[in-house]
């Protein structure tokens, strides 16, 4: 599961739908893997406005990456700042969570990740 994907996931438990604590899901005991992916500045510039920057900063810190700036870079700043471009590319496009869990900050439910695939099926008492 790419780190980019975490920015679009929220807890599936019905009682969490109205809570802001259910986003982002927090990685726990995450085993990371790196894929070599060619850098595409235009793709990153197009993806950035669609991301929740605060959630990305939280995820980045929890996974042990360098802290991101308070505000997302503009597309122009991103293409001009090679270091920031490389860091965001590495975090979003190359980093995968292969094993571990995603934990909801509201209800504490843990979604298992095995072989890079998260299991979002809920037990019947949580549906």
Foldseek 3Di string as FASTA:
>chain_A
DFLQVLQVDFAPQPVCPPPPQRPRWEWDPFDKDFDDDDQDLVVVLVCVVVGPVVSSQVNCVRVPHPGDDPDDDHSVVLVVDVVNSVSCCRRGPTMAGAWTWTARRPPGDTWTHHRRDTDNDDDPVRD
